[in-house]
């Protein structure tokens, strides 16, 4: 079969570094760590005061705060889970930089 010089063929071992795209070659399968849920629950328990402080910040967006609060109250929803992730990233970022206390900028 003649080779198509306009077709890029990636070696199989490169697939581990691919970012999946719609309609493209799939990347590696994703696996959830067995203790992921317990790790997140423990983090929420340890940092709930900081989470509530950030969610209560007047500069936090209500369209993100409401789903995040619902998620934390046990009403699982993707937007709320992502809001909780953002809270953690902001908290970790605030601690890593000398820019102010965790949650000072809102969600």
N, C-alpha and C. Protein backbone atom coordinates (compact mmCIF):
# COMPACT_ATOMS: atom_id res chain seq x y z
N UNK A 1 0.84 -1.17 0.00
CA UNK A 1 0.00 0.00 0.00
C UNK A 1 0.89 1.24 0.00
N UNK A 2 0.62 2.20 -0.88
CA UNK A 2 1.46 3.40 -0.92
C UNK A 2 1.24 4.24 0.34
N UNK A 3 2.34 4.86 0.78
CA UNK A 3 2.24 5.72 1.97
C UNK A 3 1.72 7.09 1.58
N UNK A 4 0.91 7.65 2.46
CA UNK A 4 0.37 8.98 2.25
C UNK A 4 1.27 9.96 2.99
N UNK A 5 1.99 10.79 2.26
CA UNK A 5 2.93 11.72 2.92
C UNK A 5 2.21 12.84 3.64
N UNK A 6 0.89 12.98 3.46
CA UNK A 6 0.11 14.00 4.15
C UNK A 6 -0.54 13.46 5.43
N UNK A 7 -0.32 12.21 5.75
CA UNK A 7 -0.93 11.60 6.92
C UNK A 7 0.12 11.40 8.00
N UNK A 8 -0.13 11.96 9.16
CA UNK A 8 0.77 11.79 10.30
C UNK A 8 0.33 10.55 11.08
N UNK A 9 1.23 9.63 11.26
CA UNK A 9 0.96 8.43 12.04
C UNK A 9 1.86 8.45 13.26
N UNK A 10 1.23 8.53 14.42
CA UNK A 10 1.99 8.57 15.67
C UNK A 10 2.33 7.16 16.14
N UNK A 11 3.53 6.96 16.64
CA UNK A 11 3.86 5.66 17.22
C UNK A 11 2.97 5.38 18.44
N UNK A 12 2.66 4.12 18.68
CA UNK A 12 1.79 3.75 19.79
C UNK A 12 2.31 4.24 21.14
N UNK A 13 3.62 4.22 21.34
CA UNK A 13 4.15 4.63 22.65
C UNK A 13 4.01 6.14 22.89
N UNK A 14 3.67 6.91 21.89
CA UNK A 14 3.43 8.35 22.07
C UNK A 14 2.03 8.63 22.61
N UNK A 15 1.14 7.66 22.51
CA UNK A 15 -0.25 7.87 22.93
C UNK A 15 -0.37 8.24 24.40
N UNK A 16 0.57 7.84 25.23
CA UNK A 16 0.52 8.16 26.66
C UNK A 16 0.62 9.65 26.91
N UNK A 17 1.15 10.41 25.95
CA UNK A 17 1.30 11.84 26.14
C UNK A 17 0.28 12.66 25.35
N UNK A 18 -0.66 11.99 24.70
CA UNK A 18 -1.67 12.70 23.92
C UNK A 18 -2.71 13.37 24.81
N UNK A 19 -3.18 14.51 24.38
CA UNK A 19 -4.34 15.15 24.98
C UNK A 19 -5.53 14.78 24.11
N UNK A 20 -6.50 14.06 24.65
CA UNK A 20 -7.63 13.63 23.83
C UNK A 20 -8.37 14.80 23.19
N UNK A 21 -8.76 14.63 21.97
CA UNK A 21 -9.52 15.62 21.22
C UNK A 21 -10.72 14.92 20.59
N UNK A 22 -11.81 15.64 20.46
CA UNK A 22 -12.98 15.06 19.80
C UNK A 22 -12.62 14.64 18.39
N UNK A 23 -12.95 13.40 18.08
CA UNK A 23 -12.70 12.91 16.73
C UNK A 23 -11.26 12.47 16.49
N UNK A 24 -10.39 12.61 17.49
CA UNK A 24 -8.99 12.24 17.33
C UNK A 24 -8.69 10.89 17.95
N UNK A 25 -7.43 10.57 17.94
CA UNK A 25 -7.00 9.31 18.55
C UNK A 25 -7.16 9.41 20.07
N UNK A 26 -7.67 8.37 20.68
CA UNK A 26 -7.84 8.42 22.13
C UNK A 26 -6.49 8.39 22.85
N UNK A 27 -6.43 9.08 23.96
CA UNK A 27 -5.25 9.04 24.81
C UNK A 27 -5.30 7.80 25.68
N UNK A 28 -4.45 7.75 26.68
CA UNK A 28 -4.45 6.57 27.55
C UNK A 28 -5.71 6.53 28.40
N UNK A 29 -6.14 5.34 28.81
CA UNK A 29 -7.32 5.26 29.67
C UNK A 29 -7.03 5.93 31.02
N UNK A 30 -8.05 6.58 31.57
CA UNK A 30 -7.90 7.23 32.86
C UNK A 30 -8.35 6.29 33.95
N UNK A 31 -7.59 6.26 35.02
CA UNK A 31 -7.95 5.41 36.15
C UNK A 31 -8.03 6.27 37.40
N UNK A 32 -9.10 6.09 38.15
CA UNK A 32 -9.29 6.81 39.40
C UNK A 32 -8.55 6.06 40.50
N UNK A 33 -7.77 6.79 41.28
CA UNK A 33 -7.07 6.17 42.39
C UNK A 33 -8.10 5.56 43.34
N UNK A 34 -7.85 4.38 43.87
CA UNK A 34 -8.83 3.71 44.73
C UNK A 34 -9.23 4.54 45.95
N UNK A 35 -8.33 5.37 46.43
CA UNK A 35 -8.63 6.15 47.63
C UNK A 35 -8.99 7.60 47.31
N UNK A 36 -9.33 7.90 46.05
CA UNK A 36 -9.60 9.28 45.65
C UNK A 36 -10.77 9.89 46.42
N UNK A 37 -11.88 9.19 46.51
CA UNK A 37 -13.05 9.73 47.20
C UNK A 37 -12.74 9.99 48.67
N UNK A 38 -12.07 9.06 49.31
CA UNK A 38 -11.72 9.23 50.73
C UNK A 38 -10.75 10.40 50.92
N UNK A 39 -9.83 10.57 49.98
CA UNK A 39 -8.87 11.68 50.05
C UNK A 39 -9.59 13.02 49.96
N UNK A 40 -10.53 13.12 49.02
CA UNK A 40 -11.29 14.37 48.86
C UNK A 40 -12.15 14.64 50.08
N UNK A 41 -12.82 13.61 50.59
CA UNK A 41 -13.66 13.78 51.78
C UNK A 41 -12.84 14.25 52.97
N UNK A 42 -11.65 13.71 53.13
CA UNK A 42 -10.77 14.13 54.23
C UNK A 42 -10.33 15.57 54.04
N UNK A 43 -9.99 15.95 52.81
CA UNK A 43 -9.58 17.33 52.54
C UNK A 43 -10.72 18.30 52.86
N UNK A 44 -11.94 17.96 52.45
CA UNK A 44 -13.09 18.82 52.72
C UNK A 44 -13.30 18.95 54.22
N UNK A 45 -13.20 17.86 54.93
CA UNK A 45 -13.38 17.88 56.39
C UNK A 45 -12.34 18.79 57.05
N UNK A 46 -11.10 18.69 56.61
CA UNK A 46 -10.02 19.47 57.22
C UNK A 46 -10.07 20.95 56.86
N UNK A 47 -10.65 21.28 55.74
CA UNK A 47 -10.60 22.67 55.26
C UNK A 47 -11.98 23.30 55.11
N UNK A 48 -13.00 22.73 55.71
CA UNK A 48 -14.37 23.21 55.51
C UNK A 48 -14.53 24.69 55.87
N UNK A 49 -13.88 25.14 56.95
CA UNK A 49 -13.98 26.56 57.32
C UNK A 49 -13.43 27.46 56.21
N UNK A 50 -12.30 27.07 55.64
CA UNK A 50 -11.71 27.86 54.56
C UNK A 50 -12.60 27.81 53.31
N UNK A 51 -13.17 26.65 53.04
CA UNK A 51 -14.06 26.52 51.88
C UNK A 51 -15.26 27.44 52.05
N UNK A 52 -15.89 27.39 53.23
CA UNK A 52 -17.06 28.23 53.48
C UNK A 52 -16.71 29.71 53.41
N UNK A 53 -15.52 30.06 53.90
CA UNK A 53 -15.08 31.46 53.83
C UNK A 53 -14.98 31.92 52.38
N UNK A 54 -14.38 31.09 51.53
CA UNK A 54 -14.23 31.45 50.12
C UNK A 54 -15.58 31.50 49.43
N UNK A 55 -16.44 30.54 49.71
CA UNK A 55 -17.76 30.53 49.08
C UNK A 55 -18.61 31.71 49.55
N UNK A 56 -18.34 32.20 50.75
CA UNK A 56 -19.08 33.34 51.28
C UNK A 56 -18.51 34.69 50.89
N UNK A 57 -17.39 34.70 50.20
CA UNK A 57 -16.77 35.95 49.79
C UNK A 57 -17.72 36.70 48.86
N UNK A 58 -17.89 37.99 49.10
CA UNK A 58 -18.84 38.78 48.28
C UNK A 58 -18.44 38.84 46.81
N UNK A 59 -17.16 38.59 46.52
CA UNK A 59 -16.72 38.60 45.12
C UNK A 59 -16.88 37.25 44.44
N UNK A 60 -17.29 36.24 45.18
CA UNK A 60 -17.51 34.93 44.58
C UNK A 60 -18.75 34.96 43.69
N UNK A 61 -18.69 34.25 42.59
CA UNK A 61 -19.80 34.24 41.63
C UNK A 61 -20.91 33.32 42.11
N UNK A 62 -22.12 33.86 42.29
CA UNK A 62 -23.24 33.03 42.77
C UNK A 62 -23.52 31.82 41.88
N UNK A 63 -23.31 31.95 40.57
CA UNK A 63 -23.58 30.84 39.67
C UNK A 63 -22.60 29.68 39.88
N UNK A 64 -21.48 29.94 40.55
CA UNK A 64 -20.54 28.88 40.90
C UNK A 64 -20.69 28.46 42.36
N UNK A 65 -21.04 29.41 43.21
CA UNK A 65 -21.14 29.13 44.65
C UNK A 65 -22.30 28.18 44.93
N UNK A 66 -23.47 28.44 44.34
CA UNK A 66 -24.64 27.61 44.63
C UNK A 66 -24.42 26.13 44.30
N UNK A 67 -23.91 25.80 43.10
CA UNK A 67 -23.65 24.37 42.83
C UNK A 67 -22.56 23.79 43.74
N UNK A 68 -21.56 24.59 44.10
CA UNK A 68 -20.50 24.09 44.98
C UNK A 68 -21.06 23.78 46.36
N UNK A 69 -21.89 24.66 46.89
CA UNK A 69 -22.52 24.40 48.20
C UNK A 69 -23.40 23.15 48.13
N UNK A 70 -24.19 23.02 47.07
CA UNK A 70 -25.05 21.84 46.91
C UNK A 70 -24.20 20.58 46.87
N UNK A 71 -23.11 20.62 46.14
CA UNK A 71 -22.23 19.45 46.04
C UNK A 71 -21.66 19.09 47.42
N UNK A 72 -21.24 20.08 48.16
CA UNK A 72 -20.67 19.84 49.49
C UNK A 72 -21.72 19.32 50.47
N UNK A 73 -22.99 19.59 50.19
CA UNK A 73 -24.09 19.11 51.04
C UNK A 73 -24.57 17.72 50.62
N UNK A 74 -23.89 17.12 49.64
CA UNK A 74 -24.22 15.76 49.24
C UNK A 74 -25.05 15.64 47.98
N UNK A 75 -25.37 16.75 47.34
CA UNK A 75 -26.14 16.73 46.10
C UNK A 75 -25.14 16.80 44.94
N UNK A 76 -24.57 15.66 44.60
CA UNK A 76 -23.50 15.60 43.61
C UNK A 76 -23.93 16.21 42.28
N UNK A 77 -23.05 17.06 41.75
CA UNK A 77 -23.27 17.64 40.44
C UNK A 77 -21.91 18.05 39.89
N UNK A 78 -21.70 17.92 38.58
CA UNK A 78 -20.39 18.19 38.01
C UNK A 78 -19.92 19.63 38.23
N UNK A 79 -20.82 20.60 38.09
CA UNK A 79 -20.42 22.00 38.27
C UNK A 79 -20.00 22.25 39.72
N UNK A 80 -20.70 21.64 40.66
CA UNK A 80 -20.34 21.79 42.07
C UNK A 80 -19.01 21.13 42.39
N UNK A 81 -18.77 19.97 41.81
CA UNK A 81 -17.49 19.30 42.02
C UNK A 81 -16.35 20.14 41.47
N UNK A 82 -16.58 20.76 40.32
CA UNK A 82 -15.54 21.62 39.74
C UNK A 82 -15.35 22.86 40.60
N UNK A 83 -16.41 23.40 41.16
CA UNK A 83 -16.29 24.54 42.07
C UNK A 83 -15.45 24.19 43.28
N UNK A 84 -15.64 23.00 43.82
CA UNK A 84 -14.83 22.56 44.96
C UNK A 84 -13.37 22.42 44.55
N UNK A 85 -13.13 21.96 43.33
CA UNK A 85 -11.75 21.86 42.83
C UNK A 85 -11.11 23.24 42.72
N UNK A 86 -11.88 24.20 42.23
CA UNK A 86 -11.36 25.57 42.11
C UNK A 86 -11.02 26.12 43.49
N UNK A 87 -11.88 25.84 44.48
CA UNK A 87 -11.60 26.29 45.85
C UNK A 87 -10.25 25.76 46.30
N UNK A 88 -10.01 24.50 46.05
CA UNK A 88 -8.73 23.92 46.49
C UNK A 88 -7.56 24.56 45.76
N UNK A 89 -7.70 24.75 44.46
CA UNK A 89 -6.60 25.36 43.70
C UNK A 89 -6.32 26.78 44.19
N UNK A 90 -7.38 27.53 44.48
CA UNK A 90 -7.19 28.89 44.97
C UNK A 90 -6.53 28.86 46.35
N UNK A 91 -6.98 27.94 47.19
CA UNK A 91 -6.42 27.83 48.53
C UNK A 91 -4.95 27.45 48.45
N UNK A 92 -4.63 26.45 47.65
CA UNK A 92 -3.24 26.02 47.51
C UNK A 92 -2.39 27.11 46.89
N UNK A 93 -2.94 27.83 45.91
CA UNK A 93 -2.21 28.92 45.27
C UNK A 93 -1.95 30.06 46.23
N UNK A 94 -2.93 30.38 47.07
CA UNK A 94 -2.75 31.47 48.04
C UNK A 94 -1.69 31.11 49.06
N UNK A 95 -1.61 29.85 49.41
CA UNK A 95 -0.60 29.42 50.37
C UNK A 95 0.78 29.38 49.73
N UNK A 96 0.82 29.12 48.43
CA UNK A 96 2.11 29.04 47.75
C UNK A 96 2.69 30.40 47.45
N UNK A 97 1.84 31.42 47.37
CA UNK A 97 2.30 32.78 47.06
C UNK A 97 2.05 33.67 48.27
N UNK A 98 2.74 34.76 48.32
CA UNK A 98 2.58 35.69 49.45
C UNK A 98 1.54 36.74 49.13
N UNK A 99 0.53 36.39 48.33
CA UNK A 99 -0.45 37.36 47.89
C UNK A 99 -1.61 37.61 48.83
N UNK A 100 -1.72 36.90 49.91
CA UNK A 100 -2.82 37.12 50.83
C UNK A 100 -3.31 35.82 51.40
N UNK A 101 -4.23 35.89 52.33
CA UNK A 101 -4.73 34.67 52.97
C UNK A 101 -5.58 33.85 52.00
N UNK A 102 -5.70 32.55 52.25
CA UNK A 102 -6.53 31.72 51.39
C UNK A 102 -7.94 32.27 51.31
N UNK A 103 -8.48 32.31 50.11
CA UNK A 103 -9.87 32.75 49.94
C UNK A 103 -10.05 34.24 49.87
N UNK A 104 -8.98 34.99 49.77
CA UNK A 104 -9.12 36.45 49.78
C UNK A 104 -9.64 37.00 48.47
N UNK A 105 -9.61 36.20 47.41
CA UNK A 105 -10.02 36.72 46.10
C UNK A 105 -11.37 36.23 45.64
N UNK A 106 -12.03 35.36 46.36
CA UNK A 106 -13.33 34.84 45.94
C UNK A 106 -13.22 33.74 44.93
N UNK A 107 -14.36 33.11 44.64
CA UNK A 107 -14.42 31.99 43.69
C UNK A 107 -14.80 32.50 42.34
